[in-house]
Amino acid sequence: MQEIYHYDIHGFYTTSSFARENPISPGEYLYPANSTNDPPPTVGANQIPRWTTGAWTVDVDYRGKWYDVDTQAEIHVWDAGEPQPTNTTSVPPPANEPTWVYTGTAWERTLDVAKQEKTQQILDAFDIAKEATYNYNGHDYSIKDLFVLLLLTGVELNDGAGMVMVYDVDHNVLALTKPDAETLVEGIYAASLSLTINRETKLKAINDATDIPTVDAISW
């Protein structure tokens, strides 16, 4: 039996088979088109034998799926002989992890990525926390915005006038004595300041962290 080696119209090796013996001339074999009895060379990864000008050569073979290391976009190479797409890897990125980066051998959640994620978590938590209310004398007042407490009369707190009119979170107009108004403003300011200090403390801790477990341990 005579083993033969097939190639496509572009010369790229496809498979091997055994040639049929010529029934008219025993000992001779019939070779179909695009085949040879010359064995192709051994090739490595992303290589393919190619028959050209009567001999085998070695060409590139990057057929398959590739992934952009910046965008994680999937790129297909359909034909042998095409180069590897630039800035790509054959290692699939993890599902639903768009912020992971390719480190040369694997997709990983790096320290920078962990810090970015944790920073956003803290900022989101701060946005929720500042929507809370400050309760004074049975009424809720906004922590989010001290200016919700704008004095309707425009009277300064140290003015000698009697009562100060303020809004609560339900937009009710309430009359407070000057001391009560001062206490309310001071209380809500202190609550707002505490939230801001907490946010800045967490952000600094994230920035100063030197490993991912430390970053992950930070919470609001």
C-alpha atoms as a PDB file:
ATOM      1  CA  MET A   1       0.000   0.000   0.000  1.00  0.00           C
ATOM      2  CA  GLN A   2       1.162   3.468  -0.845  1.00  0.00           C
ATOM      3  CA  GLU A   3       0.378   6.285   1.596  1.00  0.00           C
ATOM      4  CA  ILE A   4      -0.340   9.632  -0.023  1.00  0.00           C
ATOM      5  CA  TYR A   5      -0.829  13.116   1.354  1.00  0.00           C
ATOM      6  CA  HIS A   6      -3.547  15.489   0.252  1.00  0.00           C
ATOM      7  CA  TYR A   7      -3.588  19.282   0.118  1.00  0.00           C
ATOM      8  CA  ASP A   8      -6.231  21.823  -0.809  1.00  0.00           C
ATOM      9  CA  ILE A   9      -6.260  24.176  -3.788  1.00  0.00           C
ATOM     10  CA  HIS A  10      -3.995  26.552  -1.844  1.00  0.00           C
ATOM     11  CA  GLY A  11      -1.486  23.801  -1.060  1.00  0.00           C
ATOM     12  CA  PHE A  12      -2.324  23.429   2.622  1.00  0.00           C
ATOM     13  CA  TYR A  13      -2.098  19.881   3.951  1.00  0.00           C
ATOM     14  CA  THR A  14      -5.484  18.308   4.713  1.00  0.00           C
ATOM     15  CA  THR A  15      -5.160  14.563   5.359  1.00  0.00           C
ATOM     16  CA  SER A  16      -3.508  11.321   4.300  1.00  0.00           C
ATOM     17  CA  SER A  17      -4.891   8.164   2.696  1.00  0.00           C
ATOM     18  CA  PHE A  18      -3.691   5.178   0.703  1.00  0.00           C
ATOM     19  CA  ALA A  19      -3.435   5.281  -3.062  1.00  0.00           C
ATOM     20  CA  ARG A  20      -5.190   2.683  -5.169  1.00  0.00           C
ATOM     21  CA  GLU A  21      -3.061   0.358  -7.221  1.00  0.00           C
ATOM     22  CA  ASN A  22      -3.393   0.796 -10.956  1.00  0.00           C
ATOM     23  CA  PRO A  23      -5.362  -2.258 -12.173  1.00  0.00           C
ATOM     24  CA  ILE A  24      -3.782  -1.955 -15.578  1.00  0.00           C
ATOM     25  CA  SER A  25      -0.206  -1.651 -14.313  1.00  0.00           C
ATOM     26  CA  PRO A  26       0.300  -3.648 -11.105  1.00  0.00           C
ATOM     27  CA  GLY A  27       2.857  -2.085  -8.796  1.00  0.00           C
ATOM     28  CA  GLU A  28       1.936   1.398  -9.892  1.00  0.00           C
ATOM     29  CA  TYR A  29      -0.416   3.631  -7.935  1.00  0.00           C
ATOM     30  CA  LEU A  30      -3.058   6.134  -8.873  1.00  0.00           C
ATOM     31  CA  TYR A  31      -2.611   9.592  -7.377  1.00  0.00           C
ATOM     32  CA  PRO A  32      -5.659  11.861  -7.273  1.00  0.00           C
ATOM     33  CA  ALA A  33      -5.323  15.576  -7.898  1.00  0.00           C
ATOM     34  CA  ASN A  34      -3.728  17.633  -5.111  1.00  0.00           C
ATOM     35  CA  SER A  35      -1.832  14.738  -3.578  1.00  0.00           C
ATOM     36  CA  THR A  36       1.746  13.498  -3.289  1.00  0.00           C
ATOM     37  CA  ASN A  37       3.593  10.526  -1.808  1.00  0.00           C
ATOM     38  CA  ASP A  38       6.181  12.892  -0.336  1.00  0.00           C
ATOM     39  CA  PRO A  39       5.520  13.000   3.455  1.00  0.00           C
ATOM     40  CA  PRO A  40       4.887  16.493   4.858  1.00  0.00           C
ATOM     41  CA  PRO A  41       7.295  17.858   7.465  1.00  0.00           C
ATOM     42  CA  THR A  42       6.568  17.788  11.184  1.00  0.00           C
ATOM     43  CA  VAL A  43       5.241  21.148  12.313  1.00  0.00           C
ATOM     44  CA  GLY A  44       4.708  22.908  15.612  1.00  0.00           C
ATOM     45  CA  ALA A  45       1.855  24.870  17.103  1.00  0.00           C
ATOM     46  CA  ASN A  46       0.106  27.243  14.707  1.00  0.00           C
ATOM     47  CA  GLN A  47       1.959  25.795  11.743  1.00  0.00           C
ATOM     48  CA  ILE A  48       0.814  23.763   8.753  1.00  0.00           C
ATOM     49  CA  PRO A  49       2.623  22.021   5.872  1.00  0.00           C
ATOM     50  CA  ARG A  50       2.045  23.619   2.501  1.00  0.00           C
ATOM     51  CA  TRP A  51       2.767  22.116  -0.895  1.00  0.00           C
ATOM     52  CA  THR A  52       4.194  24.715  -3.220  1.00  0.00           C
ATOM     53  CA  THR A  53       6.366  24.550  -6.353  1.00  0.00           C
ATOM     54  CA  GLY A  54       6.712  20.787  -6.015  1.00  0.00           C
ATOM     55  CA  ALA A  55       7.808  20.601  -2.377  1.00  0.00           C
ATOM     56  CA  TRP A  56       6.520  20.981   1.133  1.00  0.00           C
ATOM     57  CA  THR A  57       7.069  24.197   3.031  1.00  0.00           C
ATOM     58  CA  VAL A  58       5.799  25.341   6.426  1.00  0.00           C
ATOM     59  CA  ASP A  59       3.238  28.121   6.760  1.00  0.00           C
ATOM     60  CA  VAL A  60       1.310  29.643   9.671  1.00  0.00           C
ATOM     61  CA  ASP A  61      -2.025  28.272  10.827  1.00  0.00           C
ATOM     62  CA  TYR A  62      -3.980  30.468  13.236  1.00  0.00           C
ATOM     63  CA  ARG A  63      -7.432  29.208  12.374  1.00  0.00           C
ATOM     64  CA  GLY A  64      -9.882  29.425  15.248  1.00  0.00           C
ATOM     65  CA  LYS A  65     -11.025  31.927  17.866  1.00  0.00           C
ATOM     66  CA  TRP A  66      -8.841  34.730  19.174  1.00  0.00           C
ATOM     67  CA  TYR A  67      -9.598  37.387  21.773  1.00  0.00           C
ATOM     68  CA  ASP A  68      -8.536  41.011  21.790  1.00  0.00           C
ATOM     69  CA  VAL A  69      -6.540  41.554  24.986  1.00  0.00           C
ATOM     70  CA  ASP A  70      -7.908  45.098  25.385  1.00  0.00           C
ATOM     71  CA  THR A  71     -11.573  44.677  24.512  1.00  0.00           C
ATOM     72  CA  GLN A  72     -12.057  40.884  24.953  1.00  0.00           C
ATOM     73  CA  ALA A  73     -13.732  40.932  21.522  1.00  0.00           C
ATOM     74  CA  GLU A  74     -13.883  37.555  19.783  1.00  0.00           C
ATOM     75  CA  ILE A  75     -12.074  37.393  16.429  1.00  0.00           C
ATOM     76  CA  HIS A  76     -12.237  34.466  14.005  1.00  0.00           C
ATOM     77  CA  VAL A  77      -9.468  33.338  11.658  1.00  0.00           C
ATOM     78  CA  TRP A  78     -10.982  31.144   8.980  1.00  0.00           C
ATOM     79  CA  ASP A  79      -8.092  30.317   6.643  1.00  0.00           C
ATOM     80  CA  ALA A  80      -4.660  28.795   7.074  1.00  0.00           C
ATOM     81  CA  GLY A  81      -1.864  31.141   6.108  1.00  0.00           C
ATOM     82  CA  GLU A  82      -3.509  34.144   7.768  1.00  0.00           C
ATOM     83  CA  PRO A  83      -1.436  35.752  10.525  1.00  0.00           C
ATOM     84  CA  GLN A  84      -2.537  35.854  14.137  1.00  0.00           C
ATOM     85  CA  PRO A  85      -4.652  38.964  14.694  1.00  0.00           C
ATOM     86  CA  THR A  86      -2.607  41.630  16.431  1.00  0.00           C
ATOM     87  CA  ASN A  87      -3.008  42.163  20.160  1.00  0.00           C
ATOM     88  CA  THR A  88      -4.862  38.880  20.704  1.00  0.00           C
ATOM     89  CA  THR A  89      -4.685  35.644  22.675  1.00  0.00           C
ATOM     90  CA  SER A  90      -6.266  32.246  22.172  1.00  0.00           C
ATOM     91  CA  VAL A  91      -7.093  32.057  25.900  1.00  0.00           C
ATOM     92  CA  PRO A  92     -10.826  32.822  26.344  1.00  0.00           C
ATOM     93  CA  PRO A  93     -11.603  35.664  28.766  1.00  0.00           C
ATOM     94  CA  PRO A  94     -13.774  34.853  31.792  1.00  0.00           C
ATOM     95  CA  ALA A  95     -17.492  35.293  31.305  1.00  0.00           C
ATOM     96  CA  ASN A  96     -19.070  38.438  32.724  1.00  0.00           C
ATOM     97  CA  GLU A  97     -15.746  39.892  33.854  1.00  0.00           C
ATOM     98  CA  PRO A  98     -15.207  42.801  31.433  1.00  0.00           C
ATOM     99  CA  THR A  99     -12.620  44.502  33.651  1.00  0.00           C
ATOM    100  CA  TRP A 100     -10.188  41.572  33.863  1.00  0.00           C
ATOM    101  CA  VAL A 101      -6.937  41.980  31.954  1.00  0.00           C
ATOM    102  CA  TYR A 102      -4.665  39.578  30.120  1.00  0.00           C
ATOM    103  CA  THR A 103      -1.311  39.301  31.876  1.00  0.00           C
ATOM    104  CA  GLY A 104       0.509  37.372  29.158  1.00  0.00           C
ATOM    105  CA  THR A 105      -0.568  33.877  30.174  1.00  0.00           C
ATOM    106  CA  ALA A 106      -4.017  34.280  31.718  1.00  0.00           C
ATOM    107  CA  TRP A 107      -6.891  36.668  32.319  1.00  0.00           C
ATOM    108  CA  GLU A 108      -6.670  38.011  35.844  1.00  0.00           C
ATOM    109  CA  ARG A 109      -8.295  40.437  38.227  1.00  0.00           C
ATOM    110  CA  THR A 110      -5.299  42.625  38.925  1.00  0.00           C
ATOM    111  CA  LEU A 111      -4.732  44.936  41.889  1.00  0.00           C
ATOM    112  CA  ASP A 112      -5.601  47.943  39.743  1.00  0.00           C
ATOM    113  CA  VAL A 113      -8.835  46.306  38.634  1.00  0.00           C
ATOM    114  CA  ALA A 114      -9.704  45.371  42.231  1.00  0.00           C
ATOM    115  CA  LYS A 115      -9.099  48.971  43.314  1.00  0.00           C
ATOM    116  CA  GLN A 116     -11.276  50.339  40.523  1.00  0.00           C
ATOM    117  CA  GLU A 117     -14.109  47.957  41.418  1.00  0.00           C
ATOM    118  CA  LYS A 118     -13.877  48.678  45.157  1.00  0.00           C
ATOM    119  CA  THR A 119     -13.696  52.434  44.584  1.00  0.00           C
ATOM    120  CA  GLN A 120     -16.925  52.278  42.605  1.00  0.00           C
ATOM    121  CA  GLN A 121     -18.558  50.189  45.350  1.00  0.00           C
ATOM    122  CA  ILE A 122     -17.655  52.791  47.976  1.00  0.00           C
ATOM    123  CA  LEU A 123     -18.897  55.666  45.821  1.00  0.00           C
ATOM    124  CA  ASP A 124     -22.153  53.806  45.180  1.00  0.00           C
ATOM    125  CA  ALA A 125     -22.543  53.122  48.897  1.00  0.00           C
ATOM    126  CA  PHE A 126     -21.917  56.791  49.650  1.00  0.00           C
ATOM    127  CA  ASP A 127     -24.602  57.834  47.161  1.00  0.00           C
ATOM    128  CA  ILE A 128     -27.078  55.543  48.922  1.00  0.00           C
ATOM    129  CA  ALA A 129     -26.029  56.629  52.406  1.00  0.00           C
ATOM    130  CA  LYS A 130     -26.429  60.323  51.708  1.00  0.00           C
ATOM    131  CA  GLU A 131     -30.049  59.689  50.730  1.00  0.00           C
ATOM    132  CA  ALA A 132     -30.722  58.908  54.394  1.00  0.00           C
ATOM    133  CA  THR A 133     -32.522  61.405  56.618  1.00  0.00           C
ATOM    134  CA  TYR A 134     -31.705  63.156  59.860  1.00  0.00           C
ATOM    135  CA  ASN A 135     -34.524  63.057  62.385  1.00  0.00           C
ATOM    136  CA  TYR A 136     -35.085  65.983  64.698  1.00  0.00           C
ATOM    137  CA  ASN A 137     -38.108  66.469  66.930  1.00  0.00           C
ATOM    138  CA  GLY A 138     -40.140  63.892  65.017  1.00  0.00           C
ATOM    139  CA  HIS A 139     -39.413  65.249  61.528  1.00  0.00           C
ATOM    140  CA  ASP A 140     -36.986  63.998  58.888  1.00  0.00           C
ATOM    141  CA  TYR A 141     -34.555  66.341  57.198  1.00  0.00           C
ATOM    142  CA  SER A 142     -32.321  65.693  54.233  1.00  0.00           C
ATOM    143  CA  ILE A 143     -28.711  64.608  54.751  1.00  0.00           C
ATOM    144  CA  LYS A 144     -28.149  64.725  51.005  1.00  0.00           C
ATOM    145  CA  ASP A 145     -28.394  68.457  50.742  1.00  0.00           C
ATOM    146  CA  LEU A 146     -28.088  70.890  53.608  1.00  0.00           C
ATOM    147  CA  PHE A 147     -29.681  73.521  51.407  1.00  0.00           C
ATOM    148  CA  VAL A 148     -33.021  71.745  51.737  1.00  0.00           C
ATOM    149  CA  LEU A 149     -33.003  73.598  55.057  1.00  0.00           C
ATOM    150  CA  LEU A 150     -32.978  76.999  53.386  1.00  0.00           C
ATOM    151  CA  LEU A 151     -34.605  79.505  55.675  1.00  0.00           C
ATOM    152  CA  LEU A 152     -37.830  80.641  54.050  1.00  0.00           C
ATOM    153  CA  THR A 153     -37.682  84.012  55.731  1.00  0.00           C
ATOM    154  CA  GLY A 154     -34.055  84.633  54.871  1.00  0.00           C
ATOM    155  CA  VAL A 155     -33.455  85.443  58.532  1.00  0.00           C
ATOM    156  CA  GLU A 156     -30.005  84.672  59.888  1.00  0.00           C
ATOM    157  CA  LEU A 157     -29.879  82.277  62.810  1.00  0.00           C
ATOM    158  CA  ASN A 158     -28.259  84.878  65.004  1.00  0.00           C
ATOM    159  CA  ASP A 159     -30.929  87.417  64.171  1.00  0.00           C
ATOM    160  CA  GLY A 160     -33.084  88.527  67.007  1.00  0.00           C
ATOM    161  CA  ALA A 161     -36.301  87.463  65.260  1.00  0.00           C
ATOM    162  CA  GLY A 162     -38.397  84.844  66.970  1.00  0.00           C
ATOM    163  CA  MET A 163     -39.017  81.734  64.789  1.00  0.00           C
ATOM    164  CA  VAL A 164     -37.229  80.301  61.773  1.00  0.00           C
ATOM    165  CA  MET A 165     -39.192  78.593  58.983  1.00  0.00           C
ATOM    166  CA  VAL A 166     -37.591  75.507  57.406  1.00  0.00           C
ATOM    167  CA  TYR A 167     -38.521  72.676  55.045  1.00  0.00           C
ATOM    168  CA  ASP A 168     -38.528  68.998  56.013  1.00  0.00           C
ATOM    169  CA  VAL A 169     -38.013  66.198  53.447  1.00  0.00           C
ATOM    170  CA  ASP A 170     -41.742  66.124  52.692  1.00  0.00           C
ATOM    171  CA  HIS A 171     -41.585  69.836  51.861  1.00  0.00           C
ATOM    172  CA  ASN A 172     -43.613  70.752  54.892  1.00  0.00           C
ATOM    173  CA  VAL A 173     -42.881  74.216  56.211  1.00  0.00           C
ATOM    174  CA  LEU A 174     -42.037  74.080  59.904  1.00  0.00           C
ATOM    175  CA  ALA A 175     -41.433  76.818  62.427  1.00  0.00           C
ATOM    176  CA  LEU A 176     -38.432  76.317  64.715  1.00  0.00           C
ATOM    177  CA  THR A 177     -36.983  78.449  67.438  1.00  0.00           C
ATOM    178  CA  LYS A 178     -33.558  79.858  66.736  1.00  0.00           C
ATOM    179  CA  PRO A 179     -31.831  77.390  69.122  1.00  0.00           C
ATOM    180  CA  ASP A 180     -33.693  74.463  67.550  1.00  0.00           C
ATOM    181  CA  ALA A 181     -32.801  75.661  64.071  1.00  0.00           C
ATOM    182  CA  GLU A 182     -29.155  75.921  65.061  1.00  0.00           C
ATOM    183  CA  THR A 183     -29.216  72.430  66.551  1.00  0.00           C
ATOM    184  CA  LEU A 184     -30.861  71.033  63.408  1.00  0.00           C
ATOM    185  CA  VAL A 185     -28.341  72.632  61.057  1.00  0.00           C
ATOM    186  CA  GLU A 186     -25.417  71.532  63.209  1.00  0.00           C
ATOM    187  CA  GLY A 187     -26.752  67.985  63.443  1.00  0.00           C
ATOM    188  CA  ILE A 188     -27.353  67.498  59.769  1.00  0.00           C
ATOM    189  CA  TYR A 189     -24.016  69.104  58.952  1.00  0.00           C
ATOM    190  CA  ALA A 190     -22.265  66.721  61.347  1.00  0.00           C
ATOM    191  CA  ALA A 191     -24.048  63.739  59.767  1.00  0.00           C
ATOM    192  CA  SER A 192     -23.075  64.883  56.264  1.00  0.00           C
ATOM    193  CA  LEU A 193     -19.492  65.479  57.345  1.00  0.00           C
ATOM    194  CA  SER A 194     -19.302  62.015  58.923  1.00  0.00           C
ATOM    195  CA  LEU A 195     -20.422  60.403  55.667  1.00  0.00           C
ATOM    196  CA  THR A 196     -17.875  62.389  53.665  1.00  0.00           C
ATOM    197  CA  ILE A 197     -15.037  61.551  56.049  1.00  0.00           C
ATOM    198  CA  ASN A 198     -16.014  57.883  55.903  1.00  0.00           C
ATOM    199  CA  ARG A 199     -15.939  57.983  52.102  1.00  0.00           C
ATOM    200  CA  GLU A 200     -12.548  59.684  51.965  1.00  0.00           C
ATOM    201  CA  THR A 201     -11.108  57.292  54.569  1.00  0.00           C
ATOM    202  CA  LYS A 202     -12.238  54.284  52.531  1.00  0.00           C
ATOM    203  CA  LEU A 203     -10.916  55.736  49.275  1.00  0.00           C
ATOM    204  CA  LYS A 204      -7.528  56.382  50.863  1.00  0.00           C
ATOM    205  CA  ALA A 205      -7.422  52.836  52.228  1.00  0.00           C
ATOM    206  CA  ILE A 206      -8.157  51.501  48.744  1.00  0.00           C
ATOM    207  CA  ASN A 207      -5.474  53.670  47.207  1.00  0.00           C
ATOM    208  CA  ASP A 208      -2.885  52.593  49.821  1.00  0.00           C
ATOM    209  CA  ALA A 209      -3.673  48.856  49.606  1.00  0.00           C
ATOM    210  CA  THR A 210      -0.878  46.675  48.258  1.00  0.00           C
ATOM    211  CA  ASP A 211      -2.770  43.431  47.610  1.00  0.00           C
ATOM    212  CA  ILE A 212      -6.181  42.269  46.421  1.00  0.00           C
ATOM    213  CA  PRO A 213      -7.316  40.639  49.733  1.00  0.00           C
ATOM    214  CA  THR A 214      -6.791  43.951  51.520  1.00  0.00           C
ATOM    215  CA  VAL A 215      -8.855  45.758  48.922  1.00  0.00           C
ATOM    216  CA  ASP A 216     -11.632  43.151  49.060  1.00  0.00           C
ATOM    217  CA  ALA A 217     -11.818  43.461  52.850  1.00  0.00           C
ATOM    218  CA  ILE A 218     -12.705  47.157  52.697  1.00  0.00           C
ATOM    219  CA  SER A 219     -16.409  47.819  53.108  1.00  0.00           C
ATOM    220  CA  TRP A 220     -18.671  50.771  53.672  1.00  0.00           C
END
